[in-house]
C-alpha atoms as a PDB file:
ATOM      1  CA  MET A   1      11.252 -31.864  70.642  1.00  0.00           C
ATOM      2  CA  THR A   2      14.954 -31.528  70.355  1.00  0.00           C
ATOM      3  CA  SER A   3      16.542 -31.306  66.928  1.00  0.00           C
ATOM      4  CA  THR A   4      19.852 -32.845  65.927  1.00  0.00           C
ATOM      5  CA  ALA A   5      21.344 -29.410  65.682  1.00  0.00           C
ATOM      6  CA  ILE A   6      20.396 -28.542  69.243  1.00  0.00           C
ATOM      7  CA  MET A   7      21.784 -31.871  70.501  1.00  0.00           C
ATOM      8  CA  THR A   8      25.090 -31.251  68.556  1.00  0.00           C
ATOM      9  CA  MET A   9      25.349 -27.730  69.950  1.00  0.00           C
ATOM     10  CA  THR A  10      24.679 -28.954  73.471  1.00  0.00           C
ATOM     11  CA  LYS A  11      27.480 -31.598  73.165  1.00  0.00           C
ATOM     12  CA  MET A  12      29.850 -28.938  71.805  1.00  0.00           C
ATOM     13  CA  MET A  13      28.969 -26.499  74.588  1.00  0.00           C
ATOM     14  CA  GLU A  14      29.557 -29.251  77.266  1.00  0.00           C
ATOM     15  CA  MET A  15      33.109 -29.732  76.006  1.00  0.00           C
ATOM     16  CA  LEU A  16      33.983 -26.066  76.779  1.00  0.00           C
ATOM     17  CA  PRO A  17      35.035 -24.707  80.143  1.00  0.00           C
ATOM     18  CA  GLU A  18      32.228 -22.898  82.018  1.00  0.00           C
ATOM     19  CA  THR A  19      33.512 -19.439  81.272  1.00  0.00           C
ATOM     20  CA  ALA A  20      33.750 -20.233  77.594  1.00  0.00           C
ATOM     21  CA  GLN A  21      30.199 -21.744  77.796  1.00  0.00           C
ATOM     22  CA  ASP A  22      28.964 -18.440  79.170  1.00  0.00           C
ATOM     23  CA  GLN A  23      30.642 -16.498  76.385  1.00  0.00           C
ATOM     24  CA  ALA A  24      29.364 -18.799  73.715  1.00  0.00           C
ATOM     25  CA  LEU A  25      25.853 -18.607  75.191  1.00  0.00           C
ATOM     26  CA  GLU A  26      25.932 -14.811  75.193  1.00  0.00           C
ATOM     27  CA  TYR A  27      27.096 -14.798  71.583  1.00  0.00           C
ATOM     28  CA  LEU A  28      24.295 -17.231  70.643  1.00  0.00           C
ATOM     29  CA  ARG A  29      21.698 -15.151  72.403  1.00  0.00           C
ATOM     30  CA  ASN A  30      22.751 -12.031  70.469  1.00  0.00           C
ATOM     31  CA  TYR A  31      22.952 -13.956  67.201  1.00  0.00           C
ATOM     32  CA  ILE A  32      19.428 -15.412  67.736  1.00  0.00           C
ATOM     33  CA  VAL A  33      18.049 -11.969  68.566  1.00  0.00           C
ATOM     34  CA  GLU A  34      19.536 -10.624  65.369  1.00  0.00           C
ATOM     35  CA  MET A  35      18.102 -13.578  63.380  1.00  0.00           C
ATOM     36  CA  GLN A  36      14.676 -12.978  64.807  1.00  0.00           C
ATOM     37  CA  SER A  37      14.872  -9.307  64.006  1.00  0.00           C
ATOM     38  CA  GLU A  38      15.868 -10.123  60.390  1.00  0.00           C
ATOM     39  CA  GLN A  39      12.951 -12.528  60.083  1.00  0.00           C
ATOM     40  CA  ARG A  40      10.531  -9.891  61.327  1.00  0.00           C
ATOM     41  CA  TRP A  41      11.911  -7.362  58.816  1.00  0.00           C
ATOM     42  CA  ASP A  42      11.711  -9.989  55.988  1.00  0.00           C
ATOM     43  CA  LYS A  43       8.072 -10.652  56.922  1.00  0.00           C
ATOM     44  CA  LEU A  44       7.191  -6.945  57.064  1.00  0.00           C
ATOM     45  CA  PHE A  45       8.905  -6.312  53.782  1.00  0.00           C
ATOM     46  CA  SER A  46       7.159  -9.205  52.054  1.00  0.00           C
ATOM     47  CA  GLN A  47       3.852  -7.950  53.355  1.00  0.00           C
ATOM     48  CA  THR A  48       4.385  -4.458  51.921  1.00  0.00           C
ATOM     49  CA  GLN A  49       6.162  -5.382  48.718  1.00  0.00           C
ATOM     50  CA  GLU A  50       3.147  -4.664  46.513  1.00  0.00           C
ATOM     51  CA  GLN A  51       2.742  -1.237  48.117  1.00  0.00           C
ATOM     52  CA  LEU A  52       6.442  -0.478  47.601  1.00  0.00           C
ATOM     53  CA  MET A  53       6.184  -1.492  43.928  1.00  0.00           C
ATOM     54  CA  ALA A  54       3.091   0.688  43.386  1.00  0.00           C
ATOM     55  CA  ALA A  55       4.942   3.677  45.055  1.00  0.00           C
ATOM     56  CA  ALA A  56       7.906   3.111  42.742  1.00  0.00           C
ATOM     57  CA  ARG A  57       5.682   2.896  39.691  1.00  0.00           C
ATOM     58  CA  GLN A  58       3.959   6.127  40.755  1.00  0.00           C
ATOM     59  CA  ALA A  59       7.311   7.828  41.265  1.00  0.00           C
ATOM     60  CA  ARG A  60       8.581   6.781  37.856  1.00  0.00           C
ATOM     61  CA  LYS A  61       5.361   8.041  36.279  1.00  0.00           C
ATOM     62  CA  GLU A  62       5.657  11.421  37.960  1.00  0.00           C
ATOM     63  CA  ILE A  63       9.298  11.709  36.870  1.00  0.00           C
ATOM     64  CA  ALA A  64       8.340  10.820  33.307  1.00  0.00           C
ATOM     65  CA  GLU A  65       5.563  13.474  33.329  1.00  0.00           C
ATOM     66  CA  GLY A  66       7.936  16.053  34.713  1.00  0.00           C
ATOM     67  CA  ARG A  67       5.936  16.451  37.950  1.00  0.00           C
ATOM     68  CA  ALA A  68       8.769  15.259  40.250  1.00  0.00           C
ATOM     69  CA  LYS A  69      11.112  17.741  41.975  1.00  0.00           C
ATOM     70  CA  PRO A  70      14.547  16.995  43.492  1.00  0.00           C
ATOM     71  CA  MET A  71      14.244  16.335  47.265  1.00  0.00           C
ATOM     72  CA  ASP A  72      14.984  19.218  49.492  1.00  0.00           C
ATOM     73  CA  PHE A  73      16.778  17.537  52.408  1.00  0.00           C
ATOM     74  CA  ASP A  74      16.773  20.776  54.391  1.00  0.00           C
ATOM     75  CA  ARG A  75      12.985  20.652  54.563  1.00  0.00           C
ATOM     76  CA  LEU A  76      12.831  17.172  56.098  1.00  0.00           C
END
């Protein structure tokens, strides 16, 4: 199934010289890879949001109780 957007993009690409088509295709490939990566991160983040919120609540509680210590970046 071809969407209207794909048909439009195909027509636009066909109007370009071949070298420009190659450049545009490379740009689109990179852009799509980035979009897919962002979608994966968004999905992973949404799947762990409850855990992140629980960790933040725990950190706030420890800070309020005086049990938290400043991070020693030299020990990482």
